[in-house]
Protein backbone atom coordinates (compact mmCIF):
# COMPACT_ATOMS: atom_id res chain seq x y z
CA MET A 1 13.05 122.53 72.29
CA THR A 2 14.41 126.03 72.89
CA GLU A 3 11.93 126.46 75.74
CA HIS A 4 13.46 123.51 77.52
CA PHE A 5 16.97 125.00 77.39
CA THR A 6 15.71 128.48 78.33
CA GLY A 7 14.01 127.06 81.39
CA HIS A 8 17.10 125.05 82.24
CA ASN A 9 19.37 128.11 82.02
CA LYS A 10 16.93 130.19 84.07
CA ALA A 11 16.85 127.52 86.78
CA ARG A 12 20.66 127.35 86.80
CA ARG A 13 20.89 131.14 87.05
CA GLU A 14 18.47 131.27 89.97
CA ALA A 15 20.20 128.40 91.77
CA SER A 16 23.67 129.97 91.51
CA PRO A 17 24.61 132.64 94.04
CA ASN A 18 24.12 136.22 92.97
CA HIS A 19 27.30 137.60 91.38
CA PHE A 20 26.87 140.95 93.12
CA PHE A 21 26.58 139.23 96.51
CA LEU A 22 29.61 137.09 95.73
CA ALA A 23 31.66 140.15 94.71
CA CYS A 24 30.66 141.99 97.90
CA ALA A 25 31.62 139.00 100.05
CA ILE A 26 35.03 138.70 98.38
CA LEU A 27 35.61 142.45 98.73
CA ALA A 28 34.67 142.38 102.43
CA LEU A 29 36.98 139.43 103.10
CA SER A 30 39.83 141.14 101.25
CA ILE A 31 39.38 144.34 103.26
CA ALA A 32 39.27 142.36 106.51
CA PHE A 33 42.46 140.50 105.56
CA LEU A 34 44.28 143.74 104.67
CA MET A 35 43.15 145.42 107.89
CA SER A 36 44.33 142.50 110.02
CA ALA A 37 47.67 142.45 108.21
CA ALA A 38 48.07 146.21 108.73
CA LEU A 39 47.18 145.89 112.41
CA ALA A 40 49.69 143.07 112.91
CA GLY A 41 52.37 145.08 111.11
CA ALA A 42 51.65 148.20 113.13
CA THR A 43 51.77 146.23 116.38
CA ALA A 44 55.11 144.65 115.45
CA PHE A 45 56.49 148.05 114.41
CA ARG A 46 55.31 149.63 117.67
CA LYS A 47 56.99 146.90 119.74
CA GLU A 48 60.21 147.30 117.73
CA TRP A 49 60.08 151.07 118.26
CA GLN A 50 59.56 150.52 122.01
CA PHE A 51 62.57 148.19 122.19
CA ALA A 52 64.70 150.70 120.27
CA SER A 53 63.74 153.56 122.59
CA ASP A 54 64.41 151.35 125.66
CA ALA A 55 67.86 150.54 124.29
CA LYS A 56 68.73 154.24 123.96
CA ILE A 57 67.97 154.86 127.65
């Protein structure tokens, strides 16, 4: 009886995605999101800085 459950758990473990792969994918997506947010913020700040320097002239 225990063999049946052991085999079942092993099959479930092999069918589920690897936790390491899942963690790497989540980490990569998080880094990509943060980089895009930083780039958008930097672009907005640069445009604001440009408008401020144009106003001084």
